[in-house]
N, C-alpha and C. Protein backbone atom coordinates (compact mmCIF):
# COMPACT_ATOMS: atom_id res chain seq x y z
N UNK A 1 19.97 37.75 24.01
CA UNK A 1 19.38 36.64 24.69
C UNK A 1 18.04 36.48 24.63
N UNK A 2 17.40 35.44 24.42
CA UNK A 2 16.13 34.82 24.18
C UNK A 2 15.41 34.45 25.42
N UNK A 3 13.95 34.65 25.60
CA UNK A 3 13.34 34.15 26.79
C UNK A 3 13.40 32.63 26.78
N UNK A 4 13.05 32.14 25.58
CA UNK A 4 13.27 30.66 25.57
C UNK A 4 14.67 30.15 24.99
N UNK A 5 15.19 29.47 25.69
CA UNK A 5 16.61 29.00 25.20
C UNK A 5 16.41 27.44 25.00
N UNK A 6 16.90 27.08 23.87
CA UNK A 6 16.86 25.51 23.73
C UNK A 6 17.42 24.88 24.57
N UNK A 7 18.53 25.10 25.20
CA UNK A 7 19.31 24.51 26.28
C UNK A 7 18.31 24.30 27.58
N UNK A 8 17.50 25.36 28.07
CA UNK A 8 16.71 25.15 28.94
C UNK A 8 15.75 23.72 29.02
N UNK A 9 15.51 23.09 27.86
CA UNK A 9 14.81 21.94 27.77
C UNK A 9 15.56 20.85 28.55
N UNK A 10 16.69 21.02 28.56
CA UNK A 10 17.61 19.82 29.39
C UNK A 10 17.54 20.13 30.95
N UNK A 11 16.79 21.10 31.30
CA UNK A 11 16.72 21.41 32.85
C UNK A 11 15.43 20.90 33.19
N UNK A 12 14.45 20.42 32.28
CA UNK A 12 12.95 20.22 32.78
C UNK A 12 13.17 19.60 33.91
N UNK A 13 13.77 18.40 34.31
CA UNK A 13 13.65 17.73 35.45
C UNK A 13 13.76 18.31 36.68
N UNK A 14 14.60 19.62 36.45
CA UNK A 14 14.74 20.58 37.65
C UNK A 14 13.39 21.03 38.21
N UNK A 15 12.29 21.02 37.45
CA UNK A 15 11.21 21.66 38.13
C UNK A 15 10.67 20.67 39.27
N UNK A 16 11.25 19.45 39.25
CA UNK A 16 10.96 18.51 40.49
C UNK A 16 11.61 18.76 41.45
N UNK A 17 12.35 19.86 41.54
CA UNK A 17 13.37 19.94 42.94
C UNK A 17 12.71 20.09 44.05
N UNK A 18 11.40 20.62 44.14
CA UNK A 18 10.75 20.73 45.36
C UNK A 18 9.59 19.76 45.75
N UNK A 19 9.41 18.70 44.51
CA UNK A 19 8.56 17.62 44.78
C UNK A 19 8.74 16.84 43.64
N UNK A 20 9.96 15.93 44.04
CA UNK A 20 10.31 15.18 43.10
C UNK A 20 9.42 13.82 42.78
N UNK A 21 8.85 13.40 43.93
CA UNK A 21 7.70 12.44 44.05
C UNK A 21 6.62 12.74 42.93
N UNK A 22 6.37 13.78 42.75
CA UNK A 22 5.15 14.23 41.62
C UNK A 22 5.81 14.33 40.43
N UNK A 23 7.19 14.67 40.25
CA UNK A 23 7.67 14.91 38.80
C UNK A 23 8.07 13.42 38.39
N UNK A 24 8.60 12.47 39.19
CA UNK A 24 8.86 11.23 38.88
C UNK A 24 7.38 10.56 38.29
N UNK A 25 6.50 10.87 38.79
CA UNK A 25 4.94 10.29 38.61
C UNK A 25 4.62 10.78 37.18
N UNK A 26 4.90 12.23 36.81
CA UNK A 26 4.74 12.91 35.67
C UNK A 26 5.51 12.23 34.66
N UNK A 27 6.76 11.94 34.81
CA UNK A 27 7.83 11.39 33.79
C UNK A 27 7.30 10.04 33.45
N UNK A 28 6.98 9.30 34.51
CA UNK A 28 6.53 8.01 34.17
C UNK A 28 5.40 7.87 33.35
N UNK A 29 4.08 8.78 33.67
CA UNK A 29 3.14 9.01 32.84
C UNK A 29 3.41 9.37 31.53
N UNK A 30 4.23 10.41 31.36
CA UNK A 30 4.56 10.86 30.30
C UNK A 30 5.22 9.94 29.10
N UNK A 31 6.31 9.32 29.69
CA UNK A 31 6.93 8.28 29.04
C UNK A 31 5.94 7.30 28.48
N UNK A 32 5.16 6.97 29.35
CA UNK A 32 4.19 5.79 28.85
C UNK A 32 3.19 6.36 27.86
N UNK A 33 2.76 7.46 27.81
CA UNK A 33 1.96 7.94 26.98
C UNK A 33 2.45 8.39 25.60
N UNK A 34 3.68 8.74 25.67
CA UNK A 34 4.27 9.49 24.45
C UNK A 34 5.37 8.51 23.64
N UNK A 35 6.13 8.01 24.78
CA UNK A 35 7.43 7.53 24.15
C UNK A 35 7.49 5.84 23.99
N UNK A 36 6.35 5.21 23.82
CA UNK A 36 6.41 3.86 23.70
C UNK A 36 5.13 3.24 22.76
N UNK A 37 5.44 2.35 22.08
CA UNK A 37 4.45 1.92 21.18
C UNK A 37 3.21 1.25 21.86
N UNK A 38 2.03 1.65 21.47
CA UNK A 38 0.72 0.88 22.12
C UNK A 38 -0.15 0.92 21.04
N UNK A 39 -1.36 1.17 21.36
CA UNK A 39 -2.44 1.29 20.23
C UNK A 39 -1.96 2.17 18.90
N UNK A 40 -1.12 3.33 19.38
CA UNK A 40 -0.66 4.20 18.44
C UNK A 40 0.88 3.72 18.58
N UNK A 41 1.60 4.10 17.27
CA UNK A 41 2.98 3.89 17.32
C UNK A 41 3.75 5.19 17.94
N UNK A 42 5.09 4.91 18.34
CA UNK A 42 5.95 6.08 18.80
C UNK A 42 5.75 7.21 17.63
N UNK A 43 5.99 6.52 16.51
CA UNK A 43 6.07 7.74 15.19
C UNK A 43 4.87 8.47 15.23
N UNK A 44 3.67 7.81 15.43
CA UNK A 44 2.33 8.45 15.44
C UNK A 44 2.09 9.53 16.50
N UNK A 45 2.47 8.93 17.76
CA UNK A 45 2.49 9.74 18.81
C UNK A 45 3.26 10.86 18.78
N UNK A 46 4.66 10.88 18.05
CA UNK A 46 5.37 11.97 17.90
C UNK A 46 4.74 12.95 17.10
N UNK A 47 4.02 12.64 15.92
CA UNK A 47 3.56 13.30 14.91
C UNK A 47 2.09 14.27 15.75
N UNK A 48 1.36 13.42 16.56
CA UNK A 48 0.50 14.09 17.40
C UNK A 48 1.08 15.26 18.40
N UNK A 49 2.28 14.77 19.17
CA UNK A 49 2.94 15.82 19.92
C UNK A 49 3.32 16.91 19.07
N UNK A 50 3.91 16.67 17.78
CA UNK A 50 4.34 18.03 17.16
C UNK A 50 3.05 18.67 16.90
N UNK A 51 2.07 18.08 16.59
CA UNK A 51 0.88 19.11 16.05
C UNK A 51 0.49 19.94 17.40
N UNK A 52 0.23 19.27 18.51
CA UNK A 52 -0.27 19.81 19.71
C UNK A 52 0.57 20.75 20.18
N UNK A 53 2.32 20.61 20.02
CA UNK A 53 3.05 21.59 20.48
C UNK A 53 3.12 23.03 19.59
N UNK A 54 2.69 22.76 18.04
CA UNK A 54 2.61 23.98 17.50
C UNK A 54 1.28 24.75 18.14
N UNK A 55 0.22 23.90 18.34
CA UNK A 55 -1.02 24.38 18.70
C UNK A 55 -0.93 25.16 19.89
N UNK A 56 -0.15 24.83 20.80
CA UNK A 56 -0.09 25.27 22.17
C UNK A 56 1.03 26.29 22.22
N UNK A 57 1.66 26.29 21.09
CA UNK A 57 3.03 27.03 21.01
C UNK A 57 4.11 27.00 21.99
N UNK A 58 4.53 25.97 22.19
CA UNK A 58 5.60 25.52 23.03
C UNK A 58 6.96 25.36 22.41
N UNK A 59 7.91 26.34 22.53
CA UNK A 59 8.79 26.07 21.57
C UNK A 59 9.88 25.09 22.29
N UNK A 60 9.72 24.62 23.73
CA UNK A 60 10.50 23.43 24.12
C UNK A 60 10.08 22.26 23.25
N UNK A 61 8.58 22.19 23.29
CA UNK A 61 8.21 20.82 22.73
C UNK A 61 8.22 20.90 21.23
N UNK A 62 8.08 22.25 20.61
CA UNK A 62 8.42 21.84 19.20
C UNK A 62 9.85 21.45 18.92
N UNK A 63 10.80 21.76 19.59
CA UNK A 63 12.22 21.31 19.45
C UNK A 63 12.19 19.71 19.75
N UNK A 64 11.46 19.32 21.03
CA UNK A 64 11.72 17.84 21.24
C UNK A 64 10.97 17.02 20.25
N UNK A 65 9.47 17.53 20.01
CA UNK A 65 9.04 16.58 19.15
C UNK A 65 9.51 16.70 17.37
N UNK A 66 10.07 17.91 17.17
CA UNK A 66 10.72 17.74 15.88
C UNK A 66 11.86 16.66 15.95
N UNK A 67 12.57 16.82 16.77
CA UNK A 67 13.71 15.55 17.05
C UNK A 67 13.10 14.25 17.01
N UNK A 68 12.08 14.06 18.24
CA UNK A 68 11.33 12.68 18.22
C UNK A 68 10.72 12.43 16.92
N UNK A 69 10.09 13.32 16.08
CA UNK A 69 9.39 12.68 14.72
C UNK A 69 10.84 12.12 13.90
N UNK A 70 11.87 12.95 13.80
CA UNK A 70 12.87 12.45 12.89
C UNK A 70 13.34 11.27 13.37
N UNK A 71 13.64 11.02 14.73
CA UNK A 71 14.22 9.78 15.21
C UNK A 71 13.02 8.62 15.13
N UNK A 72 11.94 9.12 14.95
CA UNK A 72 11.02 7.87 14.86
C UNK A 72 10.59 7.59 13.50
N UNK A 73 10.79 8.22 12.45
CA UNK A 73 11.16 7.63 11.09
C UNK A 73 10.08 8.71 10.31
N UNK A 74 9.41 9.92 10.75
CA UNK A 74 8.92 10.74 10.09
C UNK A 74 9.62 11.71 9.34
N UNK A 75 9.03 11.91 8.14
CA UNK A 75 9.86 12.93 7.17
C UNK A 75 8.96 14.51 7.26
N UNK A 76 9.72 15.49 6.73
CA UNK A 76 9.31 16.70 7.02
C UNK A 76 7.68 16.95 6.39
N UNK A 77 7.56 16.24 5.41
CA UNK A 77 6.21 16.38 4.53
C UNK A 77 5.18 15.97 5.69
N UNK A 78 5.49 14.71 6.30
CA UNK A 78 4.44 14.26 7.27
C UNK A 78 4.24 15.18 8.39
N UNK A 79 5.40 15.73 8.83
CA UNK A 79 5.52 16.54 10.06
C UNK A 79 4.78 18.05 9.78
N UNK A 80 4.90 18.43 8.59
CA UNK A 80 4.30 19.64 8.09
C UNK A 80 2.80 19.42 7.96
N UNK A 81 2.09 18.30 7.16
CA UNK A 81 0.98 18.00 7.11
C UNK A 81 0.42 17.91 8.78
N UNK A 82 0.95 17.35 9.77
CA UNK A 82 0.53 17.38 11.04
C UNK A 82 0.23 18.57 11.64
N UNK A 83 1.03 19.33 11.39
CA UNK A 83 0.82 20.95 12.01
C UNK A 83 -0.21 21.76 11.18
N UNK A 84 -0.48 21.19 9.87
CA UNK A 84 -1.71 21.95 9.13
C UNK A 84 -2.77 21.45 9.70
N UNK A 85 -2.80 19.96 10.05
CA UNK A 85 -4.10 19.67 10.69
C UNK A 85 -4.28 20.33 12.06
N UNK A 86 -3.50 20.55 12.81
CA UNK A 86 -3.51 21.30 14.34
C UNK A 86 -3.93 22.70 14.09
N UNK A 87 -3.54 23.28 12.83
CA UNK A 87 -3.87 24.89 12.40
C UNK A 87 -5.30 24.67 12.03
N UNK A 88 -5.66 23.70 11.40
CA UNK A 88 -7.07 23.55 10.64
C UNK A 88 -8.10 23.36 11.88
N UNK A 89 -7.59 22.51 12.76
CA UNK A 89 -8.59 22.30 13.90
C UNK A 89 -8.60 23.65 14.76
N UNK A 90 -7.68 24.56 14.87
CA UNK A 90 -7.61 25.64 15.75
C UNK A 90 -8.40 26.62 14.88
N UNK A 91 -8.51 26.46 13.57
CA UNK A 91 -9.43 27.67 12.97
C UNK A 91 -10.66 27.21 13.05
N UNK A 92 -10.83 25.89 13.03
CA UNK A 92 -12.50 25.42 13.00
C UNK A 92 -12.99 25.74 14.44
N UNK A 93 -12.06 25.77 15.43
CA UNK A 93 -12.58 25.76 16.93
C UNK A 93 -12.83 27.22 17.23
N UNK A 94 -11.95 28.17 16.55
CA UNK A 94 -12.38 29.60 16.63
C UNK A 94 -13.72 29.91 15.66
N UNK A 95 -13.72 29.47 14.50
CA UNK A 95 -15.15 29.81 13.86
C UNK A 95 -16.30 29.19 14.41
N UNK A 96 -16.21 27.96 14.78
CA UNK A 96 -17.44 27.23 15.52
C UNK A 96 -18.08 28.29 16.66
N UNK A 97 -17.19 28.95 17.21
CA UNK A 97 -17.49 29.76 18.27
C UNK A 97 -18.45 30.90 17.68
N UNK A 98 -18.37 31.04 16.49
CA UNK A 98 -19.15 32.31 15.90
C UNK A 98 -20.54 31.98 15.99
N UNK A 99 -21.07 30.86 16.49
CA UNK A 99 -22.41 30.35 16.57
C UNK A 99 -22.92 31.15 17.77
N UNK A 100 -21.92 31.38 18.89
CA UNK A 100 -22.34 31.87 20.05
C UNK A 100 -22.58 33.56 19.76
N UNK A 101 -21.74 34.02 18.71
CA UNK A 101 -22.07 35.54 18.35
C UNK A 101 -23.56 35.67 17.65
N UNK A 102 -23.84 34.45 16.88
CA UNK A 102 -25.07 34.39 16.24
C UNK A 102 -26.25 34.37 17.31
N UNK A 103 -26.08 33.84 18.21
CA UNK A 103 -27.11 33.33 19.25
C UNK A 103 -27.30 34.72 19.94
N UNK A 104 -26.38 35.45 20.23
CA UNK A 104 -26.31 36.75 20.73
C UNK A 104 -27.22 37.77 19.73
N UNK A 105 -26.61 37.83 18.41
CA UNK A 105 -27.36 38.58 17.42
C UNK A 105 -28.63 38.55 17.56
N UNK A 106 -29.16 37.13 17.57
CA UNK A 106 -30.68 36.89 17.58
C UNK A 106 -31.31 37.36 18.53
N UNK A 107 -30.72 37.27 19.77
CA UNK A 107 -31.47 37.70 20.89
C UNK A 107 -31.40 39.44 20.83
N UNK A 108 -30.54 39.80 20.37
CA UNK A 108 -30.61 41.47 20.39
C UNK A 108 -31.26 42.01 18.80
N UNK A 109 -31.69 41.02 18.20
CA UNK A 109 -32.59 41.45 16.97
C UNK A 109 -31.77 42.00 15.99
N UNK A 110 -30.67 41.46 16.07
CA UNK A 110 -29.57 42.02 15.09
C UNK A 110 -29.61 41.44 13.60
């Protein structure tokens, strides 16, 4: 048995059991932001979602956005490139904080 089970993604709506109104508002917002064409196409939004899912390491979102990417016309090469963009940004965000270390080093005279 795994902590994350793919079938649990289908139970997501149950999170609203005790706050149904809030969950409905979330789903309305989520659907509008991710599931429809706007300034970005649903395909583009799906690739962004896949990249963020990997960056945030959410197995449920990785499953959902892998499927959504395929359904919206993305191919494995595009999907892989999207997660490399996320990985590169994560690396850059980590490394740029090295400036903080350098600031401390300078204050300590090291």
